[in-house]
Amino acid sequence: MDTTMRVVADVGLPAFAMKQVTQAAKTSDNLIYCHYGTRENLLLQCYLHVDGLIYEMFEKENFQETKSPEKFCENMHKLWLRYFRFMVKNDYKTLYYYEYRESKSFAAMQDKIEKRIPNCVETLTKDFGVHSEGSEISSEYFWMYMLDLSGVFAKKVIRGELKKNKDTYEMIWRLLWNGVSFPLMKGKLDAETVK
């Protein structure tokens, strides 16, 4: 699977061929097909592997519901920064993950992919409803927001389009946070709260 993710990160999903994996891994086509069956199943298993790593990382977080807008902001920042660092550190896995998430293959496999929302995201979603004066959102949308928008920026850092440093991470956080915090306390909080 690791070789598959590296190949896709390098050439992109549309240009991906099983032969590239067998050549890079120095193994036979038969072995790959015997183990995974099809190209689509191999791609799905790679996606599920990375998705599982992300889910496990989030499940390790244990936030208590809070009535404090400052604590909510602090929790969001902590969680986001951990995720963003994970994505940048796992560069080829991140590039693979988002390449697959944005593909027709992903859309076609939705019925085989369990939609899991980590408990800490459920807690933060509830806190968002409390602090946004009734502007409720679904935990699924909140999760998608965190994953997908962070991924856009992580890919740019990985590819060298944005600098890999604390200032860049904080700028990205402020952009994402302002998108989440718009309804919160009518401007009483900002990303400076968690610096």
C-alpha atoms as a PDB file:
ATOM      1  CA  MET A   1       0.000   0.000   0.000  1.00  0.00           C
ATOM      2  CA  ASP A   2       2.815   2.373   0.833  1.00  0.00           C
ATOM      3  CA  THR A   3       4.222   2.102  -2.690  1.00  0.00           C
ATOM      4  CA  THR A   4       0.784   2.729  -4.177  1.00  0.00           C
ATOM      5  CA  MET A   5       0.361   5.911  -2.151  1.00  0.00           C
ATOM      6  CA  ARG A   6       3.817   7.130  -3.152  1.00  0.00           C
ATOM      7  CA  VAL A   7       3.130   6.478  -6.842  1.00  0.00           C
ATOM      8  CA  VAL A   8      -0.248   8.240  -6.765  1.00  0.00           C
ATOM      9  CA  ALA A   9       1.257  11.179  -4.837  1.00  0.00           C
ATOM     10  CA  ASP A  10       3.897  11.436  -7.545  1.00  0.00           C
ATOM     11  CA  VAL A  11       1.916  10.893 -10.780  1.00  0.00           C
ATOM     12  CA  GLY A  12      -1.687  11.575  -9.744  1.00  0.00           C
ATOM     13  CA  LEU A  13      -4.624   9.214  -9.753  1.00  0.00           C
ATOM     14  CA  PRO A  14      -5.588   9.638 -13.435  1.00  0.00           C
ATOM     15  CA  ALA A  15      -2.084   8.567 -14.541  1.00  0.00           C
ATOM     16  CA  PHE A  16      -1.799   5.751 -11.986  1.00  0.00           C
ATOM     17  CA  ALA A  17      -1.331   2.188 -13.259  1.00  0.00           C
ATOM     18  CA  MET A  18      -0.856  -1.022 -11.285  1.00  0.00           C
ATOM     19  CA  LYS A  19       2.303  -1.714 -13.298  1.00  0.00           C
ATOM     20  CA  GLN A  20       3.909   1.335 -11.662  1.00  0.00           C
ATOM     21  CA  VAL A  21       3.346  -0.228  -8.236  1.00  0.00           C
ATOM     22  CA  THR A  22       4.713  -3.630  -9.208  1.00  0.00           C
ATOM     23  CA  GLN A  23       7.796  -2.055 -10.769  1.00  0.00           C
ATOM     24  CA  ALA A  24       8.446   0.285  -7.831  1.00  0.00           C
ATOM     25  CA  ALA A  25       7.850  -2.481  -5.256  1.00  0.00           C
ATOM     26  CA  LYS A  26       9.810  -5.001  -7.337  1.00  0.00           C
ATOM     27  CA  THR A  27       7.010  -7.528  -7.117  1.00  0.00           C
ATOM     28  CA  SER A  28       4.716  -9.328  -9.544  1.00  0.00           C
ATOM     29  CA  ASP A  29       1.346  -8.224 -10.887  1.00  0.00           C
ATOM     30  CA  ASN A  30      -0.079 -11.546  -9.705  1.00  0.00           C
ATOM     31  CA  LEU A  31       0.923 -10.903  -6.101  1.00  0.00           C
ATOM     32  CA  ILE A  32      -0.749  -7.482  -6.041  1.00  0.00           C
ATOM     33  CA  TYR A  33      -3.912  -8.736  -7.750  1.00  0.00           C
ATOM     34  CA  CYS A  34      -3.998 -11.853  -5.549  1.00  0.00           C
ATOM     35  CA  HIS A  35      -3.911  -9.705  -2.419  1.00  0.00           C
ATOM     36  CA  TYR A  36      -6.159  -6.776  -3.483  1.00  0.00           C
ATOM     37  CA  GLY A  37      -8.191  -8.212  -6.348  1.00  0.00           C
ATOM     38  CA  THR A  38      -8.657  -4.997  -8.295  1.00  0.00           C
ATOM     39  CA  ARG A  39      -7.069  -1.620  -8.818  1.00  0.00           C
ATOM     40  CA  GLU A  40     -10.091   0.032  -7.203  1.00  0.00           C
ATOM     41  CA  ASN A  41      -9.857  -2.151  -4.106  1.00  0.00           C
ATOM     42  CA  LEU A  42      -6.148  -1.361  -3.721  1.00  0.00           C
ATOM     43  CA  LEU A  43      -6.893   2.364  -3.948  1.00  0.00           C
ATOM     44  CA  LEU A  44      -9.758   2.037  -1.471  1.00  0.00           C
ATOM     45  CA  GLN A  45      -7.614   0.095   1.015  1.00  0.00           C
ATOM     46  CA  CYS A  46      -4.924   2.792   0.840  1.00  0.00           C
ATOM     47  CA  TYR A  47      -7.540   5.459   1.499  1.00  0.00           C
ATOM     48  CA  LEU A  48      -9.027   3.501   4.414  1.00  0.00           C
ATOM     49  CA  HIS A  49      -5.558   3.064   5.905  1.00  0.00           C
ATOM     50  CA  VAL A  50      -4.848   6.808   5.967  1.00  0.00           C
ATOM     51  CA  ASP A  51      -8.407   7.610   7.039  1.00  0.00           C
ATOM     52  CA  GLY A  52      -7.945   5.197   9.950  1.00  0.00           C
ATOM     53  CA  LEU A  53      -4.717   6.923  11.008  1.00  0.00           C
ATOM     54  CA  ILE A  54      -6.491  10.286  10.978  1.00  0.00           C
ATOM     55  CA  TYR A  55      -9.480   8.929  12.900  1.00  0.00           C
ATOM     56  CA  GLU A  56      -7.230   7.331  15.537  1.00  0.00           C
ATOM     57  CA  MET A  57      -5.305  10.570  15.952  1.00  0.00           C
ATOM     58  CA  PHE A  58      -8.525  12.499  16.585  1.00  0.00           C
ATOM     59  CA  GLU A  59      -9.933   9.803  18.872  1.00  0.00           C
ATOM     60  CA  LYS A  60      -6.946  10.275  21.199  1.00  0.00           C
ATOM     61  CA  GLU A  61      -8.206  13.783  21.939  1.00  0.00           C
ATOM     62  CA  ASN A  62     -10.631  14.024  24.814  1.00  0.00           C
ATOM     63  CA  PHE A  63     -12.321  17.402  25.046  1.00  0.00           C
ATOM     64  CA  GLN A  64     -15.018  18.095  27.592  1.00  0.00           C
ATOM     65  CA  GLU A  65     -17.926  20.262  26.490  1.00  0.00           C
ATOM     66  CA  THR A  66     -17.245  23.857  27.464  1.00  0.00           C
ATOM     67  CA  LYS A  67     -19.277  26.973  27.947  1.00  0.00           C
ATOM     68  CA  SER A  68     -16.148  29.088  27.561  1.00  0.00           C
ATOM     69  CA  PRO A  69     -15.666  30.572  24.067  1.00  0.00           C
ATOM     70  CA  GLU A  70     -11.950  30.926  24.809  1.00  0.00           C
ATOM     71  CA  LYS A  71     -11.633  27.242  25.716  1.00  0.00           C
ATOM     72  CA  PHE A  72     -13.570  26.292  22.575  1.00  0.00           C
ATOM     73  CA  CYS A  73     -11.147  28.328  20.473  1.00  0.00           C
ATOM     74  CA  GLU A  74      -8.166  26.794  22.290  1.00  0.00           C
ATOM     75  CA  ASN A  75      -9.516  23.261  21.728  1.00  0.00           C
ATOM     76  CA  MET A  76     -10.120  23.921  18.046  1.00  0.00           C
ATOM     77  CA  HIS A  77      -6.634  25.336  17.575  1.00  0.00           C
ATOM     78  CA  LYS A  78      -4.983  22.422  19.384  1.00  0.00           C
ATOM     79  CA  LEU A  79      -6.875  19.866  17.339  1.00  0.00           C
ATOM     80  CA  TRP A  80      -6.293  21.626  14.042  1.00  0.00           C
ATOM     81  CA  LEU A  81      -2.568  22.131  14.635  1.00  0.00           C
ATOM     82  CA  ARG A  82      -2.088  18.474  15.498  1.00  0.00           C
ATOM     83  CA  TYR A  83      -3.911  17.446  12.322  1.00  0.00           C
ATOM     84  CA  PHE A  84      -2.073  19.919  10.113  1.00  0.00           C
ATOM     85  CA  ARG A  85       1.321  18.814  11.399  1.00  0.00           C
ATOM     86  CA  PHE A  86       0.322  15.184  10.835  1.00  0.00           C
ATOM     87  CA  MET A  87      -0.607  15.933   7.224  1.00  0.00           C
ATOM     88  CA  VAL A  88       2.602  17.790   6.440  1.00  0.00           C
ATOM     89  CA  LYS A  89       4.753  15.143   8.146  1.00  0.00           C
ATOM     90  CA  ASN A  90       3.003  12.344   6.212  1.00  0.00           C
ATOM     91  CA  ASP A  91       3.426  14.119   2.899  1.00  0.00           C
ATOM     92  CA  TYR A  92       2.853  11.352   0.346  1.00  0.00           C
ATOM     93  CA  LYS A  93       0.009   9.848   2.400  1.00  0.00           C
ATOM     94  CA  THR A  94      -1.657  13.253   2.540  1.00  0.00           C
ATOM     95  CA  LEU A  95      -1.241  13.827  -1.188  1.00  0.00           C
ATOM     96  CA  TYR A  96      -2.676  10.359  -1.839  1.00  0.00           C
ATOM     97  CA  TYR A  97      -5.553  10.847   0.618  1.00  0.00           C
ATOM     98  CA  TYR A  98      -6.750  14.052  -0.971  1.00  0.00           C
ATOM     99  CA  GLU A  99      -6.153  12.851  -4.510  1.00  0.00           C
ATOM    100  CA  TYR A 100      -8.455   9.928  -3.752  1.00  0.00           C
ATOM    101  CA  ARG A 101     -11.030  12.011  -1.803  1.00  0.00           C
ATOM    102  CA  GLU A 102     -11.386  14.301  -4.809  1.00  0.00           C
ATOM    103  CA  SER A 103     -11.710  11.487  -7.356  1.00  0.00           C
ATOM    104  CA  LYS A 104     -14.613   9.761  -9.064  1.00  0.00           C
ATOM    105  CA  SER A 105     -13.346   6.552  -7.440  1.00  0.00           C
ATOM    106  CA  PHE A 106     -14.081   7.999  -3.999  1.00  0.00           C
ATOM    107  CA  ALA A 107     -17.584   9.042  -5.032  1.00  0.00           C
ATOM    108  CA  ALA A 108     -18.246   5.578  -6.449  1.00  0.00           C
ATOM    109  CA  MET A 109     -17.078   3.885  -3.236  1.00  0.00           C
ATOM    110  CA  GLN A 110     -19.147   5.935  -0.768  1.00  0.00           C
ATOM    111  CA  ASP A 111     -21.324   2.942   0.117  1.00  0.00           C
ATOM    112  CA  LYS A 112     -18.200   0.977   1.182  1.00  0.00           C
ATOM    113  CA  ILE A 113     -16.714   3.741   3.314  1.00  0.00           C
ATOM    114  CA  GLU A 114     -17.930   3.962   6.885  1.00  0.00           C
ATOM    115  CA  LYS A 115     -18.620   7.556   7.881  1.00  0.00           C
ATOM    116  CA  ARG A 116     -17.068   7.953  11.290  1.00  0.00           C
ATOM    117  CA  ILE A 117     -16.927  11.207  13.190  1.00  0.00           C
ATOM    118  CA  PRO A 118     -14.459  11.240  16.104  1.00  0.00           C
ATOM    119  CA  ASN A 119     -15.905  11.975  19.537  1.00  0.00           C
ATOM    120  CA  CYS A 120     -13.835  15.138  19.951  1.00  0.00           C
ATOM    121  CA  VAL A 121     -15.339  16.519  16.716  1.00  0.00           C
ATOM    122  CA  GLU A 122     -18.841  15.713  18.002  1.00  0.00           C
ATOM    123  CA  THR A 123     -17.998  17.614  21.213  1.00  0.00           C
ATOM    124  CA  LEU A 124     -16.597  20.604  19.317  1.00  0.00           C
ATOM    125  CA  THR A 125     -19.676  20.648  17.073  1.00  0.00           C
ATOM    126  CA  LYS A 126     -21.915  20.838  20.153  1.00  0.00           C
ATOM    127  CA  ASP A 127     -19.720  23.603  21.589  1.00  0.00           C
ATOM    128  CA  PHE A 128     -19.973  25.502  18.296  1.00  0.00           C
ATOM    129  CA  GLY A 129     -23.780  25.458  18.597  1.00  0.00           C
ATOM    130  CA  VAL A 130     -23.573  26.811  22.139  1.00  0.00           C
ATOM    131  CA  HIS A 131     -21.175  29.632  21.279  1.00  0.00           C
ATOM    132  CA  SER A 132     -22.668  30.686  17.977  1.00  0.00           C
ATOM    133  CA  GLU A 133     -25.988  31.753  19.442  1.00  0.00           C
ATOM    134  CA  GLY A 134     -27.947  28.968  17.793  1.00  0.00           C
ATOM    135  CA  SER A 135     -26.087  28.706  14.467  1.00  0.00           C
ATOM    136  CA  GLU A 136     -26.033  24.931  14.458  1.00  0.00           C
ATOM    137  CA  ILE A 137     -24.120  22.861  11.936  1.00  0.00           C
ATOM    138  CA  SER A 138     -23.938  19.129  11.483  1.00  0.00           C
ATOM    139  CA  SER A 139     -20.898  17.301  12.804  1.00  0.00           C
ATOM    140  CA  GLU A 140     -20.467  15.787   9.324  1.00  0.00           C
ATOM    141  CA  TYR A 141     -20.115  19.253   7.753  1.00  0.00           C
ATOM    142  CA  PHE A 142     -17.860  20.407  10.580  1.00  0.00           C
ATOM    143  CA  TRP A 143     -15.635  17.334  10.033  1.00  0.00           C
ATOM    144  CA  MET A 144     -15.597  17.914   6.276  1.00  0.00           C
ATOM    145  CA  TYR A 145     -14.663  21.561   6.805  1.00  0.00           C
ATOM    146  CA  MET A 146     -11.742  20.631   9.037  1.00  0.00           C
ATOM    147  CA  LEU A 147     -10.476  17.850   6.750  1.00  0.00           C
ATOM    148  CA  ASP A 148     -10.927  19.370   3.337  1.00  0.00           C
ATOM    149  CA  LEU A 149      -9.944  22.994   3.860  1.00  0.00           C
ATOM    150  CA  SER A 150      -6.934  22.005   5.915  1.00  0.00           C
ATOM    151  CA  GLY A 151      -5.983  19.607   3.126  1.00  0.00           C
ATOM    152  CA  VAL A 152      -5.988  22.391   0.540  1.00  0.00           C
ATOM    153  CA  PHE A 153      -3.336  24.254   2.512  1.00  0.00           C
ATOM    154  CA  ALA A 154      -1.373  21.158   3.574  1.00  0.00           C
ATOM    155  CA  LYS A 155      -0.925  20.143  -0.059  1.00  0.00           C
ATOM    156  CA  LYS A 156       0.487  23.599  -0.820  1.00  0.00           C
ATOM    157  CA  VAL A 157       2.962  23.343   2.066  1.00  0.00           C
ATOM    158  CA  ILE A 158       3.982  19.814   1.012  1.00  0.00           C
ATOM    159  CA  ARG A 159       4.530  20.919  -2.601  1.00  0.00           C
ATOM    160  CA  GLY A 160       6.587  23.926  -1.500  1.00  0.00           C
ATOM    161  CA  GLU A 161       4.042  26.508  -2.666  1.00  0.00           C
ATOM    162  CA  LEU A 162       3.766  27.787   0.917  1.00  0.00           C
ATOM    163  CA  LYS A 163       6.567  27.927   3.479  1.00  0.00           C
ATOM    164  CA  LYS A 164       6.714  25.187   6.093  1.00  0.00           C
ATOM    165  CA  ASN A 165       6.994  27.306   9.222  1.00  0.00           C
ATOM    166  CA  LYS A 166       5.066  28.523  12.255  1.00  0.00           C
ATOM    167  CA  ASP A 167       4.039  31.821  10.599  1.00  0.00           C
ATOM    168  CA  THR A 168       2.447  29.979   7.672  1.00  0.00           C
ATOM    169  CA  TYR A 169       0.635  27.571   9.991  1.00  0.00           C
ATOM    170  CA  GLU A 170      -0.720  30.463  12.072  1.00  0.00           C
ATOM    171  CA  MET A 171      -1.860  32.370   8.968  1.00  0.00           C
ATOM    172  CA  ILE A 172      -3.695  29.286   7.708  1.00  0.00           C
ATOM    173  CA  TRP A 173      -5.234  28.798  11.153  1.00  0.00           C
ATOM    174  CA  ARG A 174      -6.476  32.392  11.218  1.00  0.00           C
ATOM    175  CA  LEU A 175      -8.063  31.975   7.785  1.00  0.00           C
ATOM    176  CA  LEU A 176      -9.787  28.753   8.797  1.00  0.00           C
ATOM    177  CA  TRP A 177     -10.765  30.057  12.206  1.00  0.00           C
ATOM    178  CA  ASN A 178     -12.349  33.201  10.817  1.00  0.00           C
ATOM    179  CA  GLY A 179     -14.491  30.980   8.605  1.00  0.00           C
ATOM    180  CA  VAL A 180     -15.665  29.019  11.648  1.00  0.00           C
ATOM    181  CA  SER A 181     -15.892  31.888  14.089  1.00  0.00           C
ATOM    182  CA  PHE A 182     -17.889  34.364  12.017  1.00  0.00           C
ATOM    183  CA  PRO A 183     -21.126  33.686  13.911  1.00  0.00           C
ATOM    184  CA  LEU A 184     -19.318  33.255  17.233  1.00  0.00           C
ATOM    185  CA  MET A 185     -19.913  35.983  19.734  1.00  0.00           C
ATOM    186  CA  LYS A 186     -20.319  38.538  16.962  1.00  0.00           C
ATOM    187  CA  GLY A 187     -16.594  39.236  16.627  1.00  0.00           C
ATOM    188  CA  LYS A 188     -15.626  38.929  20.310  1.00  0.00           C
ATOM    189  CA  LEU A 189     -13.145  36.131  19.592  1.00  0.00           C
ATOM    190  CA  ASP A 190     -10.396  35.899  17.069  1.00  0.00           C
ATOM    191  CA  ALA A 191      -7.447  33.633  16.401  1.00  0.00           C
ATOM    192  CA  GLU A 192      -5.231  35.833  18.572  1.00  0.00           C
ATOM    193  CA  THR A 193      -6.992  34.272  21.572  1.00  0.00           C
ATOM    194  CA  VAL A 194      -5.029  31.048  21.148  1.00  0.00           C
ATOM    195  CA  LYS A 195      -1.557  32.327  20.250  1.00  0.00           C
END
